Amino acid sequence: MQFKNIFSLGLLAIALVSLSSCGDNGSETATTAERTFINLGTAPTGGAFHPVGCAAANVVSENKGDLNWIVTPQGTKGTQENIRRLDDEELQFAMANAAISYFAGRGEGAWEKPYDIRTVATIAPNIGIFVTTEASGIKTLADLKGKRVVLGPSGAGFDYFLKPLLEAHGVSYDDLTPLNGNYIDAGDMLADGKADAAFMGGAIPIPAVVQLCSTQDVVFLPFDDAVSEKLKQYPFYSAVTLPADTYSDLDEDLTGINVGNMQLITHANVDEDVVYNFTKIMYENREQMAERHPAAKAINPKNAIRNTGTPFHPGAIKYYKEAGIWPSD
């Protein structure tokens, strides 16, 4: 009798272990099935897009709570690659320049089709200026005709916002000799006499301009007073005043042009709840992002919802309405 009881208890234990194992396997399978992998495309290192994108991905990952998300930042070549990889569902979120997004969403310029991208948050302004050296004799943008001008890295898509800007000053790409290089390269080319002028852009102060001012007599080329009126058809442009003390060689206030905000974008097909939760976590922990890169300080009630020409994703709109910062219809 005692043996039977022991045998029965043994069978019961085995059964319980088996049930427990099935439960664990079931839970593990469910967990795996419910896990969401989120890839966020950034940009090449050296500019603000990459560290801000990494900050967004890491801060969301650290504050996701019970969400079964794996959030990973991925280095990319920048906006154009990011938009195409969003379309191919290789990325769920990405950093972008608002000017390039504007044309991609419309299938204009070199874009072979309209890309169904959506804004998640508008971040820092990307302030563009043209600089040269005293030795060049160049005083205005019109003087760039016939000159060697550095217009950004090859394949970066700067022509989407530079062509309209130059054309507003009566200058086309055919009027000058375009050169390619990043901002540090551009400064070196100016210093070595291999270029006559260069476009620089980004969060102010631009490190490459600071460095150039330390070794050269830099001349800042002013934009025409009427340029804002000429470019009003493009919602991503806006005038920004740079105070005289922004750079050591800047003797008076200068008008710079926001040539397309840094922004976080997604694809229209990304799940609304995913975008809602990502937006909520990022926005409510934006101070943590700002600790990792100062450009993230621009994620605020005024900037985050700024319209730059690419529609916002419904998930982002849902959160901004709950937060009370979305403008009324």
C-alpha atoms as a PDB file:
ATOM      1  CA  MET A   1       0.000   0.000   0.000  1.00  0.00           C
ATOM      2  CA  GLN A   2       2.822   2.292   0.926  1.00  0.00           C
ATOM      3  CA  PHE A   3       4.639   1.390  -2.302  1.00  0.00           C
ATOM      4  CA  LYS A   4       1.531   2.252  -4.334  1.00  0.00           C
ATOM      5  CA  ASN A   5       1.271   5.642  -2.654  1.00  0.00           C
ATOM      6  CA  ILE A   6       4.901   6.397  -3.357  1.00  0.00           C
ATOM      7  CA  PHE A   7       4.477   5.257  -6.949  1.00  0.00           C
ATOM      8  CA  SER A   8       1.368   7.445  -7.349  1.00  0.00           C
ATOM      9  CA  LEU A   9       3.154  10.442  -5.866  1.00  0.00           C
ATOM     10  CA  GLY A  10       6.001   9.848  -8.286  1.00  0.00           C
ATOM     11  CA  LEU A  11       3.654   9.809 -11.249  1.00  0.00           C
ATOM     12  CA  LEU A  12       1.982  12.966  -9.968  1.00  0.00           C
ATOM     13  CA  ALA A  13       5.359  14.712  -9.677  1.00  0.00           C
ATOM     14  CA  ILE A  14       6.316  13.677 -13.198  1.00  0.00           C
ATOM     15  CA  ALA A  15       2.983  14.931 -14.485  1.00  0.00           C
ATOM     16  CA  LEU A  16       3.398  18.250 -12.717  1.00  0.00           C
ATOM     17  CA  VAL A  17       6.903  18.654 -14.110  1.00  0.00           C
ATOM     18  CA  SER A  18       5.614  17.846 -17.571  1.00  0.00           C
ATOM     19  CA  LEU A  19       2.811  20.362 -17.248  1.00  0.00           C
ATOM     20  CA  SER A  20       5.223  22.926 -15.908  1.00  0.00           C
ATOM     21  CA  SER A  21       7.571  22.329 -18.857  1.00  0.00           C
ATOM     22  CA  CYS A  22       4.736  22.700 -21.326  1.00  0.00           C
ATOM     23  CA  GLY A  23       3.711  25.906 -19.643  1.00  0.00           C
ATOM     24  CA  ASP A  24       7.233  27.285 -19.856  1.00  0.00           C
ATOM     25  CA  ASN A  25       7.570  26.275 -23.470  1.00  0.00           C
ATOM     26  CA  GLY A  26       4.213  27.815 -24.229  1.00  0.00           C
ATOM     27  CA  SER A  27       5.193  31.041 -22.471  1.00  0.00           C
ATOM     28  CA  GLU A  28       8.542  31.130 -24.210  1.00  0.00           C
ATOM     29  CA  THR A  29       6.883  30.586 -27.568  1.00  0.00           C
ATOM     30  CA  ALA A  30       4.340  33.301 -26.848  1.00  0.00           C
ATOM     31  CA  THR A  31       7.072  35.673 -25.701  1.00  0.00           C
ATOM     32  CA  THR A  32       9.069  35.010 -28.833  1.00  0.00           C
ATOM     33  CA  ALA A  33       5.991  35.472 -31.002  1.00  0.00           C
ATOM     34  CA  GLU A  34       5.089  38.761 -29.332  1.00  0.00           C
ATOM     35  CA  ARG A  35       8.585  40.207 -29.409  1.00  0.00           C
ATOM     36  CA  THR A  36       8.871  43.269 -31.632  1.00  0.00           C
ATOM     37  CA  PHE A  37      12.155  44.092 -33.302  1.00  0.00           C
ATOM     38  CA  ILE A  38      12.579  47.807 -33.958  1.00  0.00           C
ATOM     39  CA  ASN A  39      15.478  49.049 -36.076  1.00  0.00           C
ATOM     40  CA  LEU A  40      16.222  52.772 -36.202  1.00  0.00           C
ATOM     41  CA  GLY A  41      18.406  54.026 -39.044  1.00  0.00           C
ATOM     42  CA  THR A  42      20.758  56.856 -38.100  1.00  0.00           C
ATOM     43  CA  ALA A  43      23.425  58.351 -40.406  1.00  0.00           C
ATOM     44  CA  PRO A  44      27.205  58.411 -40.870  1.00  0.00           C
ATOM     45  CA  THR A  45      29.262  59.375 -37.826  1.00  0.00           C
ATOM     46  CA  GLY A  46      30.579  62.912 -37.607  1.00  0.00           C
ATOM     47  CA  GLY A  47      27.274  64.798 -37.636  1.00  0.00           C
ATOM     48  CA  ALA A  48      24.406  65.157 -35.172  1.00  0.00           C
ATOM     49  CA  PHE A  49      22.002  62.722 -36.875  1.00  0.00           C
ATOM     50  CA  HIS A  50      23.898  59.617 -35.770  1.00  0.00           C
ATOM     51  CA  PRO A  51      24.228  60.379 -32.032  1.00  0.00           C
ATOM     52  CA  VAL A  52      20.673  61.742 -31.783  1.00  0.00           C
ATOM     53  CA  GLY A  53      19.321  58.626 -33.496  1.00  0.00           C
ATOM     54  CA  CYS A  54      21.326  56.409 -31.157  1.00  0.00           C
ATOM     55  CA  ALA A  55      20.048  58.416 -28.194  1.00  0.00           C
ATOM     56  CA  ALA A  56      16.436  57.929 -29.317  1.00  0.00           C
ATOM     57  CA  ALA A  57      16.849  54.181 -29.754  1.00  0.00           C
ATOM     58  CA  ASN A  58      18.710  53.679 -26.482  1.00  0.00           C
ATOM     59  CA  VAL A  59      16.438  55.881 -24.375  1.00  0.00           C
ATOM     60  CA  VAL A  60      13.331  54.129 -25.696  1.00  0.00           C
ATOM     61  CA  SER A  61      14.949  50.751 -25.035  1.00  0.00           C
ATOM     62  CA  GLU A  62      15.832  51.740 -21.468  1.00  0.00           C
ATOM     63  CA  ASN A  63      12.328  53.056 -20.706  1.00  0.00           C
ATOM     64  CA  LYS A  64      10.114  50.609 -22.598  1.00  0.00           C
ATOM     65  CA  GLY A  65       8.768  49.006 -19.426  1.00  0.00           C
ATOM     66  CA  ASP A  66       6.791  45.824 -20.154  1.00  0.00           C
ATOM     67  CA  LEU A  67       6.922  46.247 -23.913  1.00  0.00           C
ATOM     68  CA  ASN A  68       8.685  43.236 -25.389  1.00  0.00           C
ATOM     69  CA  TRP A  69      10.774  45.312 -27.763  1.00  0.00           C
ATOM     70  CA  ILE A  70      14.301  44.921 -29.040  1.00  0.00           C
ATOM     71  CA  VAL A  71      15.295  48.428 -30.177  1.00  0.00           C
ATOM     72  CA  THR A  72      18.500  48.704 -32.197  1.00  0.00           C
ATOM     73  CA  PRO A  73      20.126  51.784 -33.789  1.00  0.00           C
ATOM     74  CA  GLN A  74      21.770  51.078 -37.134  1.00  0.00           C
ATOM     75  CA  GLY A  75      24.415  53.232 -38.773  1.00  0.00           C
ATOM     76  CA  THR A  76      23.510  54.137 -42.369  1.00  0.00           C
ATOM     77  CA  LYS A  77      24.565  56.493 -45.145  1.00  0.00           C
ATOM     78  CA  GLY A  78      21.795  58.890 -44.131  1.00  0.00           C
ATOM     79  CA  THR A  79      18.385  60.104 -45.226  1.00  0.00           C
ATOM     80  CA  GLN A  80      18.173  58.642 -48.728  1.00  0.00           C
ATOM     81  CA  GLU A  81      19.206  55.148 -47.637  1.00  0.00           C
ATOM     82  CA  ASN A  82      16.925  55.371 -44.603  1.00  0.00           C
ATOM     83  CA  ILE A  83      13.873  56.210 -46.695  1.00  0.00           C
ATOM     84  CA  ARG A  84      14.468  53.295 -49.051  1.00  0.00           C
ATOM     85  CA  ARG A  85      15.065  50.881 -46.169  1.00  0.00           C
ATOM     86  CA  LEU A  86      11.863  52.028 -44.466  1.00  0.00           C
ATOM     87  CA  ASP A  87      10.069  51.235 -47.704  1.00  0.00           C
ATOM     88  CA  ASP A  88      11.678  47.775 -47.753  1.00  0.00           C
ATOM     89  CA  GLU A  89      10.615  47.196 -44.106  1.00  0.00           C
ATOM     90  CA  GLU A  90      14.251  46.823 -43.022  1.00  0.00           C
ATOM     91  CA  LEU A  91      13.819  49.804 -40.679  1.00  0.00           C
ATOM     92  CA  GLN A  92      10.850  50.869 -38.587  1.00  0.00           C
ATOM     93  CA  PHE A  93      12.134  54.351 -37.706  1.00  0.00           C
ATOM     94  CA  ALA A  94      14.872  56.566 -39.146  1.00  0.00           C
ATOM     95  CA  MET A  95      16.581  59.925 -38.920  1.00  0.00           C
ATOM     96  CA  ALA A  96      16.067  62.186 -41.920  1.00  0.00           C
ATOM     97  CA  ASN A  97      16.474  65.676 -43.301  1.00  0.00           C
ATOM     98  CA  ALA A  98      13.035  67.220 -43.761  1.00  0.00           C
ATOM     99  CA  ALA A  99      13.890  68.683 -47.171  1.00  0.00           C
ATOM    100  CA  ILE A 100      14.859  65.297 -48.589  1.00  0.00           C
ATOM    101  CA  SER A 101      11.783  63.694 -47.006  1.00  0.00           C
ATOM    102  CA  TYR A 102       9.615  66.371 -48.624  1.00  0.00           C
ATOM    103  CA  PHE A 103      10.709  65.455 -52.143  1.00  0.00           C
ATOM    104  CA  ALA A 104      10.787  61.695 -51.460  1.00  0.00           C
ATOM    105  CA  GLY A 105       7.181  61.784 -50.280  1.00  0.00           C
ATOM    106  CA  ARG A 106       6.195  63.398 -53.563  1.00  0.00           C
ATOM    107  CA  GLY A 107       8.379  61.287 -55.832  1.00  0.00           C
ATOM    108  CA  GLU A 108      10.101  64.411 -57.133  1.00  0.00           C
ATOM    109  CA  GLY A 109      13.697  65.048 -58.115  1.00  0.00           C
ATOM    110  CA  ALA A 110      15.661  61.804 -58.399  1.00  0.00           C
ATOM    111  CA  TRP A 111      13.033  59.797 -56.473  1.00  0.00           C
ATOM    112  CA  GLU A 112      11.554  57.222 -58.816  1.00  0.00           C
ATOM    113  CA  LYS A 113       8.223  57.085 -56.960  1.00  0.00           C
ATOM    114  CA  PRO A 114       6.431  58.719 -54.019  1.00  0.00           C
ATOM    115  CA  TYR A 115       7.599  57.101 -50.769  1.00  0.00           C
ATOM    116  CA  ASP A 116       4.887  56.606 -48.156  1.00  0.00           C
ATOM    117  CA  ILE A 117       6.849  58.026 -45.224  1.00  0.00           C
ATOM    118  CA  ARG A 118       5.457  59.783 -42.156  1.00  0.00           C
ATOM    119  CA  THR A 119       6.858  62.130 -39.537  1.00  0.00           C
ATOM    120  CA  VAL A 120       7.184  60.988 -35.929  1.00  0.00           C
ATOM    121  CA  ALA A 121       8.881  64.086 -34.502  1.00  0.00           C
ATOM    122  CA  THR A 122      10.493  67.218 -35.837  1.00  0.00           C
ATOM    123  CA  ILE A 123      13.761  67.797 -34.011  1.00  0.00           C
ATOM    124  CA  ALA A 124      16.540  70.370 -34.383  1.00  0.00           C
ATOM    125  CA  PRO A 125      16.853  72.894 -37.202  1.00  0.00           C
ATOM    126  CA  ASN A 126      19.596  72.250 -39.736  1.00  0.00           C
ATOM    127  CA  ILE A 127      21.040  75.734 -40.228  1.00  0.00           C
ATOM    128  CA  GLY A 128      22.795  76.266 -43.542  1.00  0.00           C
ATOM    129  CA  ILE A 129      25.374  78.955 -44.328  1.00  0.00           C
ATOM    130  CA  PHE A 130      27.903  79.584 -47.071  1.00  0.00           C
ATOM    131  CA  VAL A 131      31.454  80.497 -46.100  1.00  0.00           C
ATOM    132  CA  THR A 132      34.585  81.530 -47.935  1.00  0.00           C
ATOM    133  CA  THR A 133      37.899  83.146 -47.078  1.00  0.00           C
ATOM    134  CA  GLU A 134      38.956  86.777 -47.302  1.00  0.00           C
ATOM    135  CA  ALA A 135      41.490  85.843 -49.974  1.00  0.00           C
ATOM    136  CA  SER A 136      38.785  84.606 -52.364  1.00  0.00           C
ATOM    137  CA  GLY A 137      37.243  88.036 -52.897  1.00  0.00           C
ATOM    138  CA  ILE A 138      33.750  86.493 -52.836  1.00  0.00           C
ATOM    139  CA  LYS A 139      31.178  88.703 -51.084  1.00  0.00           C
ATOM    140  CA  THR A 140      27.761  87.401 -52.154  1.00  0.00           C
ATOM    141  CA  LEU A 141      26.147  84.180 -53.331  1.00  0.00           C
ATOM    142  CA  ALA A 142      25.920  85.661 -56.828  1.00  0.00           C
ATOM    143  CA  ASP A 143      29.738  85.775 -56.811  1.00  0.00           C
ATOM    144  CA  LEU A 144      29.797  81.971 -56.666  1.00  0.00           C
ATOM    145  CA  LYS A 145      29.322  81.808 -60.431  1.00  0.00           C
ATOM    146  CA  GLY A 146      32.401  80.290 -62.003  1.00  0.00           C
ATOM    147  CA  LYS A 147      33.781  79.250 -58.593  1.00  0.00           C
ATOM    148  CA  ARG A 148      34.651  75.910 -56.982  1.00  0.00           C
ATOM    149  CA  VAL A 149      32.083  75.295 -54.253  1.00  0.00           C
ATOM    150  CA  VAL A 150      31.905  72.370 -51.818  1.00  0.00           C
ATOM    151  CA  LEU A 151      28.270  71.249 -51.686  1.00  0.00           C
ATOM    152  CA  GLY A 152      28.407  68.401 -49.182  1.00  0.00           C
ATOM    153  CA  PRO A 153      29.289  64.695 -49.294  1.00  0.00           C
ATOM    154  CA  SER A 154      28.668  62.789 -52.512  1.00  0.00           C
ATOM    155  CA  GLY A 155      25.292  61.040 -52.486  1.00  0.00           C
ATOM    156  CA  ALA A 156      24.072  62.797 -49.343  1.00  0.00           C
ATOM    157  CA  GLY A 157      21.148  64.440 -51.139  1.00  0.00           C
ATOM    158  CA  PHE A 158      22.096  68.028 -50.298  1.00  0.00           C
ATOM    159  CA  ASP A 159      21.079  69.108 -53.793  1.00  0.00           C
ATOM    160  CA  TYR A 160      17.421  68.717 -52.774  1.00  0.00           C
ATOM    161  CA  PHE A 161      17.646  71.812 -50.598  1.00  0.00           C
ATOM    162  CA  LEU A 162      20.699  73.554 -52.109  1.00  0.00           C
ATOM    163  CA  LYS A 163      19.420  73.791 -55.675  1.00  0.00           C
ATOM    164  CA  PRO A 164      16.260  75.788 -54.774  1.00  0.00           C
ATOM    165  CA  LEU A 165      18.275  77.922 -52.356  1.00  0.00           C
ATOM    166  CA  LEU A 166      20.913  78.802 -54.952  1.00  0.00           C
ATOM    167  CA  GLU A 167      18.308  79.324 -57.661  1.00  0.00           C
ATOM    168  CA  ALA A 168      16.559  81.829 -55.380  1.00  0.00           C
ATOM    169  CA  HIS A 169      19.796  83.821 -55.629  1.00  0.00           C
ATOM    170  CA  GLY A 170      20.059  83.475 -59.399  1.00  0.00           C
ATOM    171  CA  VAL A 171      22.713  80.756 -59.271  1.00  0.00           C
ATOM    172  CA  SER A 172      22.396  77.247 -60.733  1.00  0.00           C
ATOM    173  CA  TYR A 173      24.636  74.214 -60.358  1.00  0.00           C
ATOM    174  CA  ASP A 174      25.704  74.788 -63.982  1.00  0.00           C
ATOM    175  CA  ASP A 175      27.073  78.195 -62.994  1.00  0.00           C
ATOM    176  CA  LEU A 176      29.687  76.758 -60.654  1.00  0.00           C
ATOM    177  CA  THR A 177      32.048  73.830 -60.194  1.00  0.00           C
ATOM    178  CA  PRO A 178      30.498  71.574 -57.527  1.00  0.00           C
ATOM    179  CA  LEU A 179      32.914  69.756 -55.216  1.00  0.00           C
ATOM    180  CA  ASN A 180      32.114  67.048 -52.701  1.00  0.00           C
ATOM    181  CA  GLY A 181      33.299  66.498 -49.160  1.00  0.00           C
ATOM    182  CA  ASN A 182      32.113  66.544 -45.570  1.00  0.00           C
ATOM    183  CA  TYR A 183      32.350  69.753 -43.547  1.00  0.00           C
ATOM    184  CA  ILE A 184      35.808  69.064 -42.160  1.00  0.00           C
ATOM    185  CA  ASP A 185      37.020  68.236 -45.672  1.00  0.00           C
ATOM    186  CA  ALA A 186      35.409  71.444 -46.941  1.00  0.00           C
ATOM    187  CA  GLY A 187      37.280  73.507 -44.357  1.00  0.00           C
ATOM    188  CA  ASP A 188      40.565  71.863 -45.328  1.00  0.00           C
ATOM    189  CA  MET A 189      39.864  72.476 -49.024  1.00  0.00           C
ATOM    190  CA  LEU A 190      39.204  76.165 -48.345  1.00  0.00           C
ATOM    191  CA  ALA A 191      42.366  76.473 -46.253  1.00  0.00           C
ATOM    192  CA  ASP A 192      44.450  74.736 -48.934  1.00  0.00           C
ATOM    193  CA  GLY A 193      43.017  76.831 -51.756  1.00  0.00           C
ATOM    194  CA  LYS A 194      41.403  73.794 -53.410  1.00  0.00           C
ATOM    195  CA  ALA A 195      37.927  75.340 -53.083  1.00  0.00           C
ATOM    196  CA  ASP A 196      36.651  78.902 -53.233  1.00  0.00           C
ATOM    197  CA  ALA A 197      33.592  78.541 -51.004  1.00  0.00           C
ATOM    198  CA  ALA A 198      31.640  75.898 -49.126  1.00  0.00           C
ATOM    199  CA  PHE A 199      28.206  75.142 -47.787  1.00  0.00           C
ATOM    200  CA  MET A 200      28.116  74.216 -44.101  1.00  0.00           C
ATOM    201  CA  GLY A 201      25.074  73.092 -42.166  1.00  0.00           C
ATOM    202  CA  GLY A 202      23.908  71.615 -38.904  1.00  0.00           C
ATOM    203  CA  ALA A 203      23.282  72.554 -35.319  1.00  0.00           C
ATOM    204  CA  ILE A 204      24.852  75.885 -34.354  1.00  0.00           C
ATOM    205  CA  PRO A 205      27.728  76.373 -33.808  1.00  0.00           C
ATOM    206  CA  ILE A 206      28.957  74.104 -36.588  1.00  0.00           C
ATOM    207  CA  PRO A 207      32.271  72.606 -35.386  1.00  0.00           C
ATOM    208  CA  ALA A 208      33.865  72.746 -38.839  1.00  0.00           C
ATOM    209  CA  VAL A 209      33.172  76.499 -39.065  1.00  0.00           C
ATOM    210  CA  VAL A 210      34.600  77.068 -35.582  1.00  0.00           C
ATOM    211  CA  GLN A 211      37.733  75.212 -36.636  1.00  0.00           C
ATOM    212  CA  LEU A 212      38.003  77.145 -39.909  1.00  0.00           C
ATOM    213  CA  CYS A 213      37.716  80.481 -38.098  1.00  0.00           C
ATOM    214  CA  SER A 214      40.686  79.504 -35.922  1.00  0.00           C
ATOM    215  CA  THR A 215      43.016  79.254 -38.934  1.00  0.00           C
ATOM    216  CA  GLN A 216      41.519  81.473 -41.660  1.00  0.00           C
ATOM    217  CA  ASP A 217      39.891  84.873 -42.118  1.00  0.00           C
ATOM    218  CA  VAL A 218      36.394  83.595 -42.793  1.00  0.00           C
ATOM    219  CA  VAL A 219      33.757  85.527 -44.732  1.00  0.00           C
ATOM    220  CA  PHE A 220      30.099  84.610 -44.211  1.00  0.00           C
ATOM    221  CA  LEU A 221      27.993  85.065 -47.354  1.00  0.00           C
ATOM    222  CA  PRO A 222      24.624  86.709 -46.623  1.00  0.00           C
ATOM    223  CA  PHE A 223      21.336  85.458 -48.033  1.00  0.00           C
ATOM    224  CA  ASP A 224      19.141  87.901 -49.965  1.00  0.00           C
ATOM    225  CA  ASP A 225      16.494  89.610 -47.853  1.00  0.00           C
ATOM    226  CA  ALA A 226      13.786  88.335 -50.202  1.00  0.00           C
ATOM    227  CA  VAL A 227      14.915  84.701 -50.060  1.00  0.00           C
ATOM    228  CA  SER A 228      12.188  83.642 -47.606  1.00  0.00           C
ATOM    229  CA  GLU A 229       9.512  84.934 -49.959  1.00  0.00           C
ATOM    230  CA  LYS A 230      11.091  83.150 -52.912  1.00  0.00           C
ATOM    231  CA  LEU A 231      11.189  79.849 -51.042  1.00  0.00           C
ATOM    232  CA  LYS A 232       7.812  80.028 -49.292  1.00  0.00           C
ATOM    233  CA  GLN A 233       6.428  77.164 -51.408  1.00  0.00           C
ATOM    234  CA  TYR A 234       8.724  74.819 -49.473  1.00  0.00           C
ATOM    235  CA  PRO A 235       7.591  74.364 -45.842  1.00  0.00           C
ATOM    236  CA  PHE A 236      10.959  73.043 -44.667  1.00  0.00           C
ATOM    237  CA  TYR A 237      12.805  76.368 -45.128  1.00  0.00           C
ATOM    238  CA  SER A 238      12.825  79.078 -42.470  1.00  0.00           C
ATOM    239  CA  ALA A 239      15.099  81.984 -41.647  1.00  0.00           C
ATOM    240  CA  VAL A 240      17.208  81.856 -38.473  1.00  0.00           C
ATOM    241  CA  THR A 241      19.328  84.681 -37.070  1.00  0.00           C
ATOM    242  CA  LEU A 242      22.869  83.864 -35.968  1.00  0.00           C
ATOM    243  CA  PRO A 243      24.121  86.362 -33.358  1.00  0.00           C
ATOM    244  CA  ALA A 244      27.400  88.148 -34.105  1.00  0.00           C
ATOM    245  CA  ASP A 245      29.270  86.248 -31.404  1.00  0.00           C
ATOM    246  CA  THR A 246      28.346  82.807 -32.803  1.00  0.00           C
ATOM    247  CA  TYR A 247      31.742  82.593 -34.529  1.00  0.00           C
ATOM    248  CA  SER A 248      34.936  84.519 -33.907  1.00  0.00           C
ATOM    249  CA  ASP A 249      34.936  85.945 -37.461  1.00  0.00           C
ATOM    250  CA  LEU A 250      31.250  86.892 -37.455  1.00  0.00           C
ATOM    251  CA  ASP A 251      31.180  90.636 -36.765  1.00  0.00           C
ATOM    252  CA  GLU A 252      27.430  91.202 -37.093  1.00  0.00           C
ATOM    253  CA  ASP A 253      24.200  89.217 -36.960  1.00  0.00           C
ATOM    254  CA  LEU A 254      23.782  86.879 -39.912  1.00  0.00           C
ATOM    255  CA  THR A 255      20.637  85.325 -41.359  1.00  0.00           C
ATOM    256  CA  GLY A 256      21.012  81.601 -41.801  1.00  0.00           C
ATOM    257  CA  ILE A 257      18.496  79.315 -43.447  1.00  0.00           C
ATOM    258  CA  ASN A 258      16.972  76.243 -41.887  1.00  0.00           C
ATOM    259  CA  VAL A 259      17.435  73.916 -44.858  1.00  0.00           C
ATOM    260  CA  GLY A 260      15.426  71.062 -43.395  1.00  0.00           C
ATOM    261  CA  ASN A 261      14.961  70.057 -39.773  1.00  0.00           C
ATOM    262  CA  MET A 262      16.479  66.929 -38.391  1.00  0.00           C
ATOM    263  CA  GLN A 263      13.451  64.672 -37.978  1.00  0.00           C
ATOM    264  CA  LEU A 264      12.459  61.174 -36.957  1.00  0.00           C
ATOM    265  CA  ILE A 265      10.353  59.415 -39.569  1.00  0.00           C
ATOM    266  CA  THR A 266       8.640  56.083 -40.086  1.00  0.00           C
ATOM    267  CA  HIS A 267       6.610  54.364 -42.797  1.00  0.00           C
ATOM    268  CA  ALA A 268       2.840  54.674 -43.107  1.00  0.00           C
ATOM    269  CA  ASN A 269       2.513  50.883 -42.718  1.00  0.00           C
ATOM    270  CA  VAL A 270       4.202  50.703 -39.307  1.00  0.00           C
ATOM    271  CA  ASP A 271       1.662  49.700 -36.659  1.00  0.00           C
ATOM    272  CA  GLU A 272      -0.107  52.646 -35.017  1.00  0.00           C
ATOM    273  CA  ASP A 273       0.413  51.290 -31.497  1.00  0.00           C
ATOM    274  CA  VAL A 274       4.144  50.865 -32.104  1.00  0.00           C
ATOM    275  CA  VAL A 275       4.484  54.450 -33.301  1.00  0.00           C
ATOM    276  CA  TYR A 276       2.287  55.730 -30.471  1.00  0.00           C
ATOM    277  CA  ASN A 277       4.343  53.993 -27.790  1.00  0.00           C
ATOM    278  CA  PHE A 278       7.676  54.919 -29.361  1.00  0.00           C
ATOM    279  CA  THR A 279       6.630  58.572 -29.616  1.00  0.00           C
ATOM    280  CA  LYS A 280       5.348  58.614 -26.040  1.00  0.00           C
ATOM    281  CA  ILE A 281       8.472  57.039 -24.538  1.00  0.00           C
ATOM    282  CA  MET A 282      10.847  59.229 -26.527  1.00  0.00           C
ATOM    283  CA  TYR A 283       8.993  62.471 -25.843  1.00  0.00           C
ATOM    284  CA  GLU A 284       8.454  61.827 -22.143  1.00  0.00           C
ATOM    285  CA  ASN A 285      12.132  60.945 -21.713  1.00  0.00           C
ATOM    286  CA  ARG A 286      13.508  63.668 -23.974  1.00  0.00           C
ATOM    287  CA  GLU A 287      15.638  65.122 -21.176  1.00  0.00           C
ATOM    288  CA  GLN A 288      17.587  61.861 -21.103  1.00  0.00           C
ATOM    289  CA  MET A 289      18.157  62.215 -24.833  1.00  0.00           C
ATOM    290  CA  ALA A 290      19.368  65.788 -24.392  1.00  0.00           C
ATOM    291  CA  GLU A 291      21.934  64.554 -21.873  1.00  0.00           C
ATOM    292  CA  ARG A 292      23.413  62.419 -24.650  1.00  0.00           C
ATOM    293  CA  HIS A 293      23.351  65.070 -27.371  1.00  0.00           C
ATOM    294  CA  PRO A 294      22.382  68.763 -27.047  1.00  0.00           C
ATOM    295  CA  ALA A 295      20.492  68.777 -30.365  1.00  0.00           C
ATOM    296  CA  ALA A 296      17.821  66.652 -28.668  1.00  0.00           C
ATOM    297  CA  LYS A 297      16.921  69.688 -26.532  1.00  0.00           C
ATOM    298  CA  ALA A 298      14.893  70.766 -29.569  1.00  0.00           C
ATOM    299  CA  ILE A 299      12.391  67.954 -28.902  1.00  0.00           C
ATOM    300  CA  ASN A 300       9.918  70.256 -27.191  1.00  0.00           C
ATOM    301  CA  PRO A 301       6.211  71.166 -27.466  1.00  0.00           C
ATOM    302  CA  LYS A 302       6.909  73.771 -30.147  1.00  0.00           C
ATOM    303  CA  ASN A 303       9.309  71.859 -32.394  1.00  0.00           C
ATOM    304  CA  ALA A 304       8.146  68.244 -32.104  1.00  0.00           C
ATOM    305  CA  ILE A 305       4.880  68.880 -33.950  1.00  0.00           C
ATOM    306  CA  ARG A 306       6.279  71.357 -36.499  1.00  0.00           C
ATOM    307  CA  ASN A 307       4.985  70.708 -40.023  1.00  0.00           C
ATOM    308  CA  THR A 308       7.830  70.451 -42.534  1.00  0.00           C
ATOM    309  CA  GLY A 309       5.799  69.033 -45.398  1.00  0.00           C
ATOM    310  CA  THR A 310       5.702  65.309 -44.559  1.00  0.00           C
ATOM    311  CA  PRO A 311       2.442  64.174 -42.872  1.00  0.00           C
ATOM    312  CA  PHE A 312       2.624  62.864 -39.312  1.00  0.00           C
ATOM    313  CA  HIS A 313       1.905  59.208 -38.566  1.00  0.00           C
ATOM    314  CA  PRO A 314      -1.481  58.626 -36.859  1.00  0.00           C
ATOM    315  CA  GLY A 315       0.293  56.967 -33.916  1.00  0.00           C
ATOM    316  CA  ALA A 316       2.372  60.094 -33.305  1.00  0.00           C
ATOM    317  CA  ILE A 317      -0.684  62.338 -33.671  1.00  0.00           C
ATOM    318  CA  LYS A 318      -2.565  60.217 -31.138  1.00  0.00           C
ATOM    319  CA  TYR A 319       0.140  60.745 -28.528  1.00  0.00           C
ATOM    320  CA  TYR A 320       0.591  64.463 -29.220  1.00  0.00           C
ATOM    321  CA  LYS A 321      -3.150  64.969 -28.828  1.00  0.00           C
ATOM    322  CA  GLU A 322      -3.077  63.161 -25.480  1.00  0.00           C
ATOM    323  CA  ALA A 323      -0.105  65.323 -24.455  1.00  0.00           C
ATOM    324  CA  GLY A 324      -2.123  68.416 -25.334  1.00  0.00           C
ATOM    325  CA  ILE A 325       0.396  69.837 -27.807  1.00  0.00           C
ATOM    326  CA  TRP A 326      -1.221  68.918 -31.130  1.00  0.00           C
ATOM    327  CA  PRO A 327      -2.877  71.979 -32.750  1.00  0.00           C
ATOM    328  CA  SER A 328      -6.650  71.922 -32.950  1.00  0.00           C
ATOM    329  CA  ASP A 329      -8.187  71.354 -36.366  1.00  0.00           C
END
